[in-house]
Amino acid sequence: MLFNKFEIIIIISIIIFLGLMFYDLYENQSNYPLHRTIQTVCKQCDIAKEERASFILDCLKNANPKSDEEPEDWISLCEDMAEDIYCKKSPCIVKQIKNEKYGNWIDIDIKMIGE
C-alpha cells in the first residue's frame, strides 16, 4: 500500500487547512478599503517651468561623468533637485483609489488646503 491510514489523514488535514487558509485570505481581501483620503504635502510646480528646465539642463551638464552614476539616474536626481528648489510646497488632501492588480494607490483628486 502506498500510504497508510495515518499518512492519508495527515495529507487530508493539510489540504483542508490550506484550503481554509486561502479561502480566508480571499474573503478578507474585500475588507480592505478601495478608496482613501490622506493629508500630505504637495508640490505646486506649475510656476517657474523655464527656471526648472534651465536648472535641469545645467545640472546635467555639470554632472560628474566619471562617477558611478548612470546618466539616466542623473536625470531624475536633477529633476528632484529642481522641484525641491523651485516648487512651492503646500499641505493638501489627496483622494486615492487602490489599484487592485498591483496593490498601489493612484491619486484621483488633489485639493490644496487653504484654496
PDB file of N, CA and C in Angstrom:
ATOM      1  N   MET A   1       0.848  -1.180   0.000  1.00  0.00           N
ATOM      2  CA  MET A   1       0.000   0.000   0.000  1.00  0.00           C
ATOM      3  C   MET A   1       0.897   1.247   0.000  1.00  0.00           C
ATOM      4  N   LEU A   2       0.511   2.238  -0.797  1.00  0.00           N
ATOM      5  CA  LEU A   2       1.323   3.440  -0.972  1.00  0.00           C
ATOM      6  C   LEU A   2       1.351   4.294   0.298  1.00  0.00           C
ATOM      7  N   PHE A   3       0.192   4.557   0.891  1.00  0.00           N
ATOM      8  CA  PHE A   3       0.101   5.339   2.123  1.00  0.00           C
ATOM      9  C   PHE A   3      -0.677   4.547   3.153  1.00  0.00           C
ATOM     10  N   ASN A   4      -0.282   4.681   4.415  1.00  0.00           N
ATOM     11  CA  ASN A   4      -1.091   4.064   5.465  1.00  0.00           C
ATOM     12  C   ASN A   4      -2.175   5.049   5.887  1.00  0.00           C
ATOM     13  N   LYS A   5      -3.079   4.632   6.754  1.00  0.00           N
ATOM     14  CA  LYS A   5      -4.233   5.465   7.145  1.00  0.00           C
ATOM     15  C   LYS A   5      -3.773   6.761   7.813  1.00  0.00           C
ATOM     16  N   PHE A   6      -2.760   6.680   8.639  1.00  0.00           N
ATOM     17  CA  PHE A   6      -2.271   7.868   9.340  1.00  0.00           C
ATOM     18  C   PHE A   6      -1.753   8.911   8.363  1.00  0.00           C
ATOM     19  N   GLU A   7      -0.983   8.500   7.362  1.00  0.00           N
ATOM     20  CA  GLU A   7      -0.458   9.431   6.365  1.00  0.00           C
ATOM     21  C   GLU A   7      -1.571  10.050   5.540  1.00  0.00           C
ATOM     22  N   ILE A   8      -2.592   9.277   5.211  1.00  0.00           N
ATOM     23  CA  ILE A   8      -3.730   9.802   4.450  1.00  0.00           C
ATOM     24  C   ILE A   8      -4.467  10.861   5.268  1.00  0.00           C
ATOM     25  N   ILE A   9      -4.636  10.611   6.569  1.00  0.00           N
ATOM     26  CA  ILE A   9      -5.316  11.587   7.430  1.00  0.00           C
ATOM     27  C   ILE A   9      -4.495  12.876   7.511  1.00  0.00           C
ATOM     28  N   ILE A  10      -3.183  12.758   7.624  1.00  0.00           N
ATOM     29  CA  ILE A  10      -2.314  13.931   7.670  1.00  0.00           C
ATOM     30  C   ILE A  10      -2.408  14.726   6.368  1.00  0.00           C
ATOM     31  N   ILE A  11      -2.357  14.052   5.233  1.00  0.00           N
ATOM     32  CA  ILE A  11      -2.426  14.730   3.930  1.00  0.00           C
ATOM     33  C   ILE A  11      -3.761  15.444   3.761  1.00  0.00           C
ATOM     34  N   ILE A  12      -4.850  14.777   4.129  1.00  0.00           N
ATOM     35  CA  ILE A  12      -6.182  15.391   4.016  1.00  0.00           C
ATOM     36  C   ILE A  12      -6.281  16.592   4.952  1.00  0.00           C
ATOM     37  N   SER A  13      -5.727  16.479   6.168  1.00  0.00           N
ATOM     38  CA  SER A  13      -5.752  17.600   7.124  1.00  0.00           C
ATOM     39  C   SER A  13      -4.999  18.804   6.578  1.00  0.00           C
ATOM     40  N   ILE A  14      -3.840  18.557   5.978  1.00  0.00           N
ATOM     41  CA  ILE A  14      -3.049  19.653   5.404  1.00  0.00           C
ATOM     42  C   ILE A  14      -3.805  20.309   4.258  1.00  0.00           C
ATOM     43  N   ILE A  15      -4.426  19.513   3.392  1.00  0.00           N
ATOM     44  CA  ILE A  15      -5.202  20.058   2.274  1.00  0.00           C
ATOM     45  C   ILE A  15      -6.358  20.898   2.777  1.00  0.00           C
ATOM     46  N   ILE A  16      -7.061  20.417   3.792  1.00  0.00           N
ATOM     47  CA  ILE A  16      -8.186  21.176   4.347  1.00  0.00           C
ATOM     48  C   ILE A  16      -7.687  22.470   4.983  1.00  0.00           C
ATOM     49  N   PHE A  17      -6.591  22.395   5.752  1.00  0.00           N
ATOM     50  CA  PHE A  17      -6.029  23.574   6.398  1.00  0.00           C
ATOM     51  C   PHE A  17      -5.635  24.626   5.365  1.00  0.00           C
ATOM     52  N   LEU A  18      -4.919  24.209   4.319  1.00  0.00           N
ATOM     53  CA  LEU A  18      -4.506  25.151   3.279  1.00  0.00           C
ATOM     54  C   LEU A  18      -5.714  25.740   2.557  1.00  0.00           C
ATOM     55  N   GLY A  19      -6.702  24.919   2.280  1.00  0.00           N
ATOM     56  CA  GLY A  19      -7.912  25.411   1.630  1.00  0.00           C
ATOM     57  C   GLY A  19      -8.617  26.460   2.462  1.00  0.00           C
ATOM     58  N   LEU A  20      -8.745  26.195   3.770  1.00  0.00           N
ATOM     59  CA  LEU A  20      -9.392  27.176   4.650  1.00  0.00           C
ATOM     60  C   LEU A  20      -8.564  28.450   4.773  1.00  0.00           C
ATOM     61  N   MET A  21      -7.251  28.293   4.820  1.00  0.00           N
ATOM     62  CA  MET A  21      -6.379  29.465   4.925  1.00  0.00           C
ATOM     63  C   MET A  21      -6.518  30.350   3.683  1.00  0.00           C
ATOM     64  N   PHE A  22      -6.465  29.761   2.485  1.00  0.00           N
ATOM     65  CA  PHE A  22      -6.583  30.551   1.261  1.00  0.00           C
ATOM     66  C   PHE A  22      -7.989  31.113   1.097  1.00  0.00           C
ATOM     67  N   TYR A  23      -9.009  30.375   1.523  1.00  0.00           N
ATOM     68  CA  TYR A  23     -10.369  30.892   1.465  1.00  0.00           C
ATOM     69  C   TYR A  23     -10.502  32.117   2.362  1.00  0.00           C
ATOM     70  N   ASP A  24      -9.909  32.059   3.572  1.00  0.00           N
ATOM     71  CA  ASP A  24      -9.960  33.184   4.490  1.00  0.00           C
ATOM     72  C   ASP A  24      -9.234  34.394   3.909  1.00  0.00           C
ATOM     73  N   LEU A  25      -8.074  34.180   3.290  1.00  0.00           N
ATOM     74  CA  LEU A  25      -7.358  35.287   2.652  1.00  0.00           C
ATOM     75  C   LEU A  25      -8.192  35.912   1.546  1.00  0.00           C
ATOM     76  N   TYR A  26      -8.847  35.083   0.742  1.00  0.00           N
ATOM     77  CA  TYR A  26      -9.666  35.583  -0.358  1.00  0.00           C
ATOM     78  C   TYR A  26     -10.869  36.361   0.159  1.00  0.00           C
ATOM     79  N   GLU A  27     -11.520  35.845   1.180  1.00  0.00           N
ATOM     80  CA  GLU A  27     -12.700  36.512   1.725  1.00  0.00           C
ATOM     81  C   GLU A  27     -12.341  37.834   2.398  1.00  0.00           C
ATOM     82  N   ASN A  28     -11.227  37.880   3.112  1.00  0.00           N
ATOM     83  CA  ASN A  28     -10.841  39.105   3.815  1.00  0.00           C
ATOM     84  C   ASN A  28     -10.266  40.154   2.886  1.00  0.00           C
ATOM     85  N   GLN A  29      -9.942  39.786   1.669  1.00  0.00           N
ATOM     86  CA  GLN A  29      -9.379  40.735   0.724  1.00  0.00           C
ATOM     87  C   GLN A  29     -10.359  41.874   0.446  1.00  0.00           C
ATOM     88  N   SER A  30     -11.632  41.590   0.447  1.00  0.00           N
ATOM     89  CA  SER A  30     -12.630  42.619   0.162  1.00  0.00           C
ATOM     90  C   SER A  30     -12.812  43.578   1.335  1.00  0.00           C
ATOM     91  N   ASN A  31     -12.260  43.258   2.510  1.00  0.00           N
ATOM     92  CA  ASN A  31     -12.397  44.137   3.665  1.00  0.00           C
ATOM     93  C   ASN A  31     -11.447  45.320   3.615  1.00  0.00           C
ATOM     94  N   TYR A  32     -10.465  45.275   2.734  1.00  0.00           N
ATOM     95  CA  TYR A  32      -9.523  46.372   2.630  1.00  0.00           C
ATOM     96  C   TYR A  32     -10.177  47.532   1.886  1.00  0.00           C
ATOM     97  N   PRO A  33      -9.893  48.765   2.303  1.00  0.00           N
ATOM     98  CA  PRO A  33     -10.526  49.906   1.625  1.00  0.00           C
ATOM     99  C   PRO A  33      -9.993  50.073   0.200  1.00  0.00           C
ATOM    100  N   LEU A  34     -10.901  50.400  -0.707  1.00  0.00           N
ATOM    101  CA  LEU A  34     -10.503  50.650  -2.087  1.00  0.00           C
ATOM    102  C   LEU A  34     -10.329  52.137  -2.361  1.00  0.00           C
ATOM    103  N   HIS A  35     -10.793  52.982  -1.425  1.00  0.00           N
ATOM    104  CA  HIS A  35     -10.626  54.429  -1.522  1.00  0.00           C
ATOM    105  C   HIS A  35     -10.043  54.915  -0.206  1.00  0.00           C
ATOM    106  N   ARG A  36      -9.275  55.974  -0.272  1.00  0.00           N
ATOM    107  CA  ARG A  36      -8.799  56.600   0.954  1.00  0.00           C
ATOM    108  C   ARG A  36      -8.512  58.064   0.685  1.00  0.00           C
ATOM    109  N   THR A  37      -8.499  58.841   1.767  1.00  0.00           N
ATOM    110  CA  THR A  37      -8.157  60.251   1.701  1.00  0.00           C
ATOM    111  C   THR A  37      -7.017  60.479   2.681  1.00  0.00           C
ATOM    112  N   ILE A  38      -5.946  61.093   2.201  1.00  0.00           N
ATOM    113  CA  ILE A  38      -4.800  61.349   3.058  1.00  0.00           C
ATOM    114  C   ILE A  38      -4.447  62.827   3.016  1.00  0.00           C
ATOM    115  N   GLN A  39      -3.841  63.291   4.099  1.00  0.00           N
ATOM    116  CA  GLN A  39      -3.329  64.661   4.119  1.00  0.00           C
ATOM    117  C   GLN A  39      -1.816  64.566   4.024  1.00  0.00           C
ATOM    118  N   THR A  40      -1.240  65.309   3.104  1.00  0.00           N
ATOM    119  CA  THR A  40       0.197  65.242   2.853  1.00  0.00           C
ATOM    120  C   THR A  40       0.695  66.602   2.396  1.00  0.00           C
ATOM    121  N   VAL A  41       1.918  66.652   1.918  1.00  0.00           N
ATOM    122  CA  VAL A  41       2.481  67.892   1.370  1.00  0.00           C
ATOM    123  C   VAL A  41       2.627  67.705  -0.137  1.00  0.00           C
ATOM    124  N   CYS A  42       2.043  68.620  -0.901  1.00  0.00           N
ATOM    125  CA  CYS A  42       2.092  68.547  -2.361  1.00  0.00           C
ATOM    126  C   CYS A  42       2.994  69.661  -2.892  1.00  0.00           C
ATOM    127  N   LYS A  43       3.537  69.411  -4.059  1.00  0.00           N
ATOM    128  CA  LYS A  43       4.377  70.412  -4.727  1.00  0.00           C
ATOM    129  C   LYS A  43       3.565  71.074  -5.829  1.00  0.00           C
ATOM    130  N   GLN A  44       3.602  72.394  -5.868  1.00  0.00           N
ATOM    131  CA  GLN A  44       2.962  73.145  -6.938  1.00  0.00           C
ATOM    132  C   GLN A  44       4.062  73.577  -7.898  1.00  0.00           C
ATOM    133  N   CYS A  45       4.165  72.881  -9.013  1.00  0.00           N
ATOM    134  CA  CYS A  45       5.257  73.129  -9.952  1.00  0.00           C
ATOM    135  C   CYS A  45       4.793  73.807 -11.231  1.00  0.00           C
ATOM    136  N   ASP A  46       3.584  74.323 -11.247  1.00  0.00           N
ATOM    137  CA  ASP A  46       3.094  74.951 -12.471  1.00  0.00           C
ATOM    138  C   ASP A  46       3.742  76.316 -12.715  1.00  0.00           C
ATOM    139  N   ILE A  47       4.434  76.846 -11.705  1.00  0.00           N
ATOM    140  CA  ILE A  47       5.159  78.104 -11.881  1.00  0.00           C
ATOM    141  C   ILE A  47       6.634  77.791 -12.083  1.00  0.00           C
ATOM    142  N   ALA A  48       7.352  78.700 -12.643  1.00  0.00           N
ATOM    143  CA  ALA A  48       8.811  78.603 -12.818  1.00  0.00           C
ATOM    144  C   ALA A  48       9.229  77.402 -13.661  1.00  0.00           C
ATOM    145  N   LYS A  49       8.464  77.109 -14.707  1.00  0.00           N
ATOM    146  CA  LYS A  49       8.821  75.972 -15.570  1.00  0.00           C
ATOM    147  C   LYS A  49      10.128  76.204 -16.302  1.00  0.00           C
ATOM    148  N   GLU A  50      10.319  77.425 -16.795  1.00  0.00           N
ATOM    149  CA  GLU A  50      11.546  77.730 -17.533  1.00  0.00           C
ATOM    150  C   GLU A  50      12.769  77.654 -16.629  1.00  0.00           C
ATOM    151  N   GLU A  51      12.627  78.151 -15.400  1.00  0.00           N
ATOM    152  CA  GLU A  51      13.743  78.109 -14.455  1.00  0.00           C
ATOM    153  C   GLU A  51      14.102  76.670 -14.103  1.00  0.00           C
ATOM    154  N   ARG A  52      13.079  75.852 -13.892  1.00  0.00           N
ATOM    155  CA  ARG A  52      13.334  74.441 -13.577  1.00  0.00           C
ATOM    156  C   ARG A  52      14.011  73.735 -14.744  1.00  0.00           C
ATOM    157  N   ALA A  53      13.538  73.987 -15.957  1.00  0.00           N
ATOM    158  CA  ALA A  53      14.130  73.347 -17.139  1.00  0.00           C
ATOM    159  C   ALA A  53      15.585  73.771 -17.308  1.00  0.00           C
ATOM    160  N   SER A  54      15.858  75.056 -17.114  1.00  0.00           N
ATOM    161  CA  SER A  54      17.226  75.552 -17.219  1.00  0.00           C
ATOM    162  C   SER A  54      18.113  74.919 -16.148  1.00  0.00           C
ATOM    163  N   PHE A  55      17.582  74.808 -14.919  1.00  0.00           N
ATOM    164  CA  PHE A  55      18.348  74.197 -13.835  1.00  0.00           C
ATOM    165  C   PHE A  55      18.668  72.735 -14.160  1.00  0.00           C
ATOM    166  N   ILE A  56      17.696  72.003 -14.678  1.00  0.00           N
ATOM    167  CA  ILE A  56      17.911  70.584 -15.001  1.00  0.00           C
ATOM    168  C   ILE A  56      18.984  70.437 -16.068  1.00  0.00           C
ATOM    169  N   LEU A  57      18.932  71.265 -17.112  1.00  0.00           N
ATOM    170  CA  LEU A  57      19.951  71.187 -18.166  1.00  0.00           C
ATOM    171  C   LEU A  57      21.337  71.535 -17.638  1.00  0.00           C
ATOM    172  N   ASP A  58      21.423  72.577 -16.805  1.00  0.00           N
ATOM    173  CA  ASP A  58      22.713  72.936 -16.208  1.00  0.00           C
ATOM    174  C   ASP A  58      23.215  71.836 -15.284  1.00  0.00           C
ATOM    175  N   CYS A  59      22.318  71.265 -14.541  1.00  0.00           N
ATOM    176  CA  CYS A  59      22.682  70.185 -13.627  1.00  0.00           C
ATOM    177  C   CYS A  59      23.250  69.000 -14.406  1.00  0.00           C
ATOM    178  N   LEU A  60      22.614  68.657 -15.515  1.00  0.00           N
ATOM    179  CA  LEU A  60      23.095  67.532 -16.326  1.00  0.00           C
ATOM    180  C   LEU A  60      24.446  67.835 -16.966  1.00  0.00           C
ATOM    181  N   LYS A  61      24.643  69.078 -17.374  1.00  0.00           N
ATOM    182  CA  LYS A  61      25.934  69.469 -17.964  1.00  0.00           C
ATOM    183  C   LYS A  61      27.051  69.371 -16.932  1.00  0.00           C
ATOM    184  N   ASN A  62      26.741  69.731 -15.686  1.00  0.00           N
ATOM    185  CA  ASN A  62      27.746  69.762 -14.627  1.00  0.00           C
ATOM    186  C   ASN A  62      27.877  68.446 -13.865  1.00  0.00           C
ATOM    187  N   ALA A  63      27.106  67.461 -14.242  1.00  0.00           N
ATOM    188  CA  ALA A  63      27.197  66.162 -13.565  1.00  0.00           C
ATOM    189  C   ALA A  63      28.577  65.560 -13.812  1.00  0.00           C
ATOM    190  N   ASN A  64      29.078  64.852 -12.857  1.00  0.00           N
ATOM    191  CA  ASN A  64      30.416  64.259 -12.946  1.00  0.00           C
ATOM    192  C   ASN A  64      30.367  63.031 -13.852  1.00  0.00           C
ATOM    193  N   PRO A  65      30.961  63.092 -15.037  1.00  0.00           N
ATOM    194  CA  PRO A  65      30.887  61.950 -15.953  1.00  0.00           C
ATOM    195  C   PRO A  65      31.729  60.762 -15.494  1.00  0.00           C
ATOM    196  N   LYS A  66      32.610  60.971 -14.532  1.00  0.00           N
ATOM    197  CA  LYS A  66      33.460  59.881 -14.055  1.00  0.00           C
ATOM    198  C   LYS A  66      32.853  59.147 -12.865  1.00  0.00           C
ATOM    199  N   SER A  67      31.698  59.593 -12.405  1.00  0.00           N
ATOM    200  CA  SER A  67      31.092  58.948 -11.240  1.00  0.00           C
ATOM    201  C   SER A  67      30.479  57.606 -11.647  1.00  0.00           C
ATOM    202  N   ASP A  68      30.084  56.838 -10.649  1.00  0.00           N
ATOM    203  CA  ASP A  68      29.467  55.534 -10.893  1.00  0.00           C
ATOM    204  C   ASP A  68      28.001  55.649 -11.284  1.00  0.00           C
ATOM    205  N   GLU A  69      27.441  56.845 -11.179  1.00  0.00           N
ATOM    206  CA  GLU A  69      26.031  57.036 -11.509  1.00  0.00           C
ATOM    207  C   GLU A  69      25.807  56.917 -13.013  1.00  0.00           C
ATOM    208  N   GLU A  70      24.706  56.323 -13.368  1.00  0.00           N
ATOM    209  CA  GLU A  70      24.317  56.246 -14.774  1.00  0.00           C
ATOM    210  C   GLU A  70      23.710  57.584 -15.189  1.00  0.00           C
ATOM    211  N   PRO A  71      23.827  57.968 -16.458  1.00  0.00           N
ATOM    212  CA  PRO A  71      23.227  59.238 -16.904  1.00  0.00           C
ATOM    213  C   PRO A  71      21.721  59.303 -16.656  1.00  0.00           C
ATOM    214  N   GLU A  72      21.043  58.157 -16.767  1.00  0.00           N
ATOM    215  CA  GLU A  72      19.593  58.154 -16.532  1.00  0.00           C
ATOM    216  C   GLU A  72      19.285  58.498 -15.078  1.00  0.00           C
ATOM    217  N   ASP A  73      20.152  58.066 -14.166  1.00  0.00           N
ATOM    218  CA  ASP A  73      19.947  58.374 -12.754  1.00  0.00           C
ATOM    219  C   ASP A  73      20.081  59.870 -12.493  1.00  0.00           C
ATOM    220  N   TRP A  74      20.994  60.520 -13.213  1.00  0.00           N
ATOM    221  CA  TRP A  74      21.189  61.954 -13.022  1.00  0.00           C
ATOM    222  C   TRP A  74      19.974  62.748 -13.458  1.00  0.00           C
ATOM    223  N   ILE A  75      19.268  62.272 -14.461  1.00  0.00           N
ATOM    224  CA  ILE A  75      18.067  62.995 -14.921  1.00  0.00           C
ATOM    225  C   ILE A  75      17.061  63.097 -13.785  1.00  0.00           C
ATOM    226  N   SER A  76      16.757  61.979 -13.153  1.00  0.00           N
ATOM    227  CA  SER A  76      15.774  62.019 -12.066  1.00  0.00           C
ATOM    228  C   SER A  76      16.304  62.780 -10.859  1.00  0.00           C
ATOM    229  N   LEU A  77      17.603  62.675 -10.579  1.00  0.00           N
ATOM    230  CA  LEU A  77      18.177  63.431  -9.468  1.00  0.00           C
ATOM    231  C   LEU A  77      18.092  64.935  -9.719  1.00  0.00           C
ATOM    232  N   CYS A  78      18.411  65.361 -10.931  1.00  0.00           N
ATOM    233  CA  CYS A  78      18.337  66.788 -11.266  1.00  0.00           C
ATOM    234  C   CYS A  78      16.890  67.282 -11.239  1.00  0.00           C
ATOM    235  N   GLU A  79      15.962  66.465 -11.718  1.00  0.00           N
ATOM    236  CA  GLU A  79      14.547  66.838 -11.658  1.00  0.00           C
ATOM    237  C   GLU A  79      14.093  67.000 -10.213  1.00  0.00           C
ATOM    238  N   ASP A  80      14.490  66.071  -9.350  1.00  0.00           N
ATOM    239  CA  ASP A  80      14.109  66.161  -7.934  1.00  0.00           C
ATOM    240  C   ASP A  80      14.685  67.412  -7.287  1.00  0.00           C
ATOM    241  N   MET A  81      15.955  67.720  -7.587  1.00  0.00           N
ATOM    242  CA  MET A  81      16.566  68.930  -7.031  1.00  0.00           C
ATOM    243  C   MET A  81      15.844  70.180  -7.518  1.00  0.00           C
ATOM    244  N   ALA A  82      15.481  70.210  -8.801  1.00  0.00           N
ATOM    245  CA  ALA A  82      14.774  71.372  -9.349  1.00  0.00           C
ATOM    246  C   ALA A  82      13.419  71.548  -8.668  1.00  0.00           C
ATOM    247  N   GLU A  83      12.715  70.445  -8.439  1.00  0.00           N
ATOM    248  CA  GLU A  83      11.425  70.535  -7.754  1.00  0.00           C
ATOM    249  C   GLU A  83      11.604  71.037  -6.329  1.00  0.00           C
ATOM    250  N   ASP A  84      12.629  70.535  -5.649  1.00  0.00           N
ATOM    251  CA  ASP A  84      12.867  70.977  -4.271  1.00  0.00           C
ATOM    252  C   ASP A  84      13.187  72.466  -4.202  1.00  0.00           C
ATOM    253  N   ILE A  85      13.881  72.978  -5.201  1.00  0.00           N
ATOM    254  CA  ILE A  85      14.284  74.385  -5.183  1.00  0.00           C
ATOM    255  C   ILE A  85      13.163  75.309  -5.664  1.00  0.00           C
ATOM    256  N   TYR A  86      12.510  74.972  -6.774  1.00  0.00           N
ATOM    257  CA  TYR A  86      11.604  75.911  -7.437  1.00  0.00           C
ATOM    258  C   TYR A  86      10.116  75.684  -7.169  1.00  0.00           C
ATOM    259  N   CYS A  87       9.731  74.525  -6.685  1.00  0.00           N
ATOM    260  CA  CYS A  87       8.305  74.253  -6.497  1.00  0.00           C
ATOM    261  C   CYS A  87       7.850  74.635  -5.099  1.00  0.00           C
ATOM    262  N   LYS A  88       6.686  75.224  -5.047  1.00  0.00           N
ATOM    263  CA  LYS A  88       6.091  75.622  -3.779  1.00  0.00           C
ATOM    264  C   LYS A  88       5.490  74.379  -3.114  1.00  0.00           C
ATOM    265  N   LYS A  89       5.748  74.209  -1.833  1.00  0.00           N
ATOM    266  CA  LYS A  89       5.203  73.080  -1.085  1.00  0.00           C
ATOM    267  C   LYS A  89       4.064  73.570  -0.210  1.00  0.00           C
ATOM    268  N   SER A  90       2.923  72.888  -0.292  1.00  0.00           N
ATOM    269  CA  SER A  90       1.747  73.277   0.478  1.00  0.00           C
ATOM    270  C   SER A  90       1.048  72.028   0.977  1.00  0.00           C
ATOM    271  N   PRO A  91       0.371  72.132   2.122  1.00  0.00           N
ATOM    272  CA  PRO A  91      -0.413  70.980   2.584  1.00  0.00           C
ATOM    273  C   PRO A  91      -1.589  70.748   1.648  1.00  0.00           C
ATOM    274  N   CYS A  92      -1.926  69.490   1.454  1.00  0.00           N
ATOM    275  CA  CYS A  92      -3.028  69.159   0.554  1.00  0.00           C
ATOM    276  C   CYS A  92      -3.742  67.893   1.028  1.00  0.00           C
ATOM    277  N   ILE A  93      -4.913  67.710   0.497  1.00  0.00           N
ATOM    278  CA  ILE A  93      -5.695  66.498   0.760  1.00  0.00           C
ATOM    279  C   ILE A  93      -5.786  65.743  -0.561  1.00  0.00           C
ATOM    280  N   VAL A  94      -5.398  64.465  -0.527  1.00  0.00           N
ATOM    281  CA  VAL A  94      -5.351  63.648  -1.735  1.00  0.00           C
ATOM    282  C   VAL A  94      -6.330  62.496  -1.585  1.00  0.00           C
ATOM    283  N   LYS A  95      -7.232  62.384  -2.556  1.00  0.00           N
ATOM    284  CA  LYS A  95      -8.124  61.218  -2.618  1.00  0.00           C
ATOM    285  C   LYS A  95      -7.469  60.200  -3.537  1.00  0.00           C
ATOM    286  N   GLN A  96      -7.449  58.955  -3.074  1.00  0.00           N
ATOM    287  CA  GLN A  96      -6.785  57.908  -3.842  1.00  0.00           C
ATOM    288  C   GLN A  96      -7.698  56.699  -3.996  1.00  0.00           C
ATOM    289  N   ILE A  97      -7.426  55.935  -5.043  1.00  0.00           N
ATOM    290  CA  ILE A  97      -8.122  54.680  -5.284  1.00  0.00           C
ATOM    291  C   ILE A  97      -7.067  53.585  -5.360  1.00  0.00           C
ATOM    292  N   LYS A  98      -7.404  52.401  -4.860  1.00  0.00           N
ATOM    293  CA  LYS A  98      -6.441  51.302  -4.837  1.00  0.00           C
ATOM    294  C   LYS A  98      -6.449  50.578  -6.172  1.00  0.00           C
ATOM    295  N   ASN A  99      -5.262  50.381  -6.726  1.00  0.00           N
ATOM    296  CA  ASN A  99      -5.093  49.586  -7.930  1.00  0.00           C
ATOM    297  C   ASN A  99      -5.061  48.127  -7.481  1.00  0.00           C
ATOM    298  N   GLU A 100      -6.152  47.402  -7.710  1.00  0.00           N
ATOM    299  CA  GLU A 100      -6.255  46.038  -7.198  1.00  0.00           C
ATOM    300  C   GLU A 100      -5.274  45.090  -7.873  1.00  0.00           C
ATOM    301  N   LYS A 101      -4.878  45.391  -9.096  1.00  0.00           N
ATOM    302  CA  LYS A 101      -3.966  44.494  -9.801  1.00  0.00           C
ATOM    303  C   LYS A 101      -2.557  44.550  -9.212  1.00  0.00           C
ATOM    304  N   TYR A 102      -2.067  45.780  -8.924  1.00  0.00           N
ATOM    305  CA  TYR A 102      -0.697  45.944  -8.447  1.00  0.00           C
ATOM    306  C   TYR A 102      -0.610  46.289  -6.962  1.00  0.00           C
ATOM    307  N   GLY A 103      -1.727  46.688  -6.364  1.00  0.00           N
ATOM    308  CA  GLY A 103      -1.740  46.980  -4.937  1.00  0.00           C
ATOM    309  C   GLY A 103      -1.272  48.370  -4.555  1.00  0.00           C
ATOM    310  N   ASN A 104      -0.991  49.232  -5.533  1.00  0.00           N
ATOM    311  CA  ASN A 104      -0.550  50.590  -5.211  1.00  0.00           C
ATOM    312  C   ASN A 104      -1.748  51.539  -5.202  1.00  0.00           C
ATOM    313  N   TRP A 105      -1.546  52.744  -4.687  1.00  0.00           N
ATOM    314  CA  TRP A 105      -2.590  53.761  -4.625  1.00  0.00           C
ATOM    315  C   TRP A 105      -2.371  54.781  -5.728  1.00  0.00           C
ATOM    316  N   ILE A 106      -3.459  55.171  -6.391  1.00  0.00           N
ATOM    317  CA  ILE A 106      -3.416  56.123  -7.501  1.00  0.00           C
ATOM    318  C   ILE A 106      -4.187  57.378  -7.089  1.00  0.00           C
ATOM    319  N   ASP A 107      -3.556  58.539  -7.258  1.00  0.00           N
ATOM    320  CA  ASP A 107      -4.217  59.805  -6.931  1.00  0.00           C
ATOM    321  C   ASP A 107      -5.329  60.064  -7.939  1.00  0.00           C
ATOM    322  N   ILE A 108      -6.520  60.382  -7.419  1.00  0.00           N
ATOM    323  CA  ILE A 108      -7.628  60.722  -8.320  1.00  0.00           C
ATOM    324  C   ILE A 108      -8.085  62.167  -8.136  1.00  0.00           C
ATOM    325  N   ASP A 109      -7.747  62.778  -6.995  1.00  0.00           N
ATOM    326  CA  ASP A 109      -8.122  64.176  -6.768  1.00  0.00           C
ATOM    327  C   ASP A 109      -7.157  64.774  -5.749  1.00  0.00           C
ATOM    328  N   ILE A 110      -6.656  65.961  -6.046  1.00  0.00           N
ATOM    329  CA  ILE A 110      -5.749  66.666  -5.130  1.00  0.00           C
ATOM    330  C   ILE A 110      -6.333  68.037  -4.884  1.00  0.00           C
ATOM    331  N   LYS A 111      -6.536  68.354  -3.603  1.00  0.00           N
ATOM    332  CA  LYS A 111      -7.070  69.665  -3.242  1.00  0.00           C
ATOM    333  C   LYS A 111      -6.098  70.320  -2.263  1.00  0.00           C
ATOM    334  N   MET A 112      -5.614  71.482  -2.653  1.00  0.00           N
ATOM    335  CA  MET A 112      -4.700  72.213  -1.777  1.00  0.00           C
ATOM    336  C   MET A 112      -5.491  72.782  -0.610  1.00  0.00           C
ATOM    337  N   ILE A 113      -4.951  72.695   0.577  1.00  0.00           N
ATOM    338  CA  ILE A 113      -5.597  73.226   1.762  1.00  0.00           C
ATOM    339  C   ILE A 113      -5.417  74.739   1.769  1.00  0.00           C
ATOM    340  N   GLY A 114      -6.504  75.447   2.011  1.00  0.00           N
ATOM    341  CA  GLY A 114      -6.444  76.902   2.046  1.00  0.00           C
ATOM    342  C   GLY A 114      -6.856  77.554   0.752  1.00  0.00           C
ATOM    343  N   GLU A 115      -7.267  76.753  -0.242  1.00  0.00           N
ATOM    344  CA  GLU A 115      -7.723  77.337  -1.505  1.00  0.00           C
ATOM    345  C   GLU A 115      -9.176  77.703  -1.413  1.00  0.00           C
TER     346      GLU A 115
END
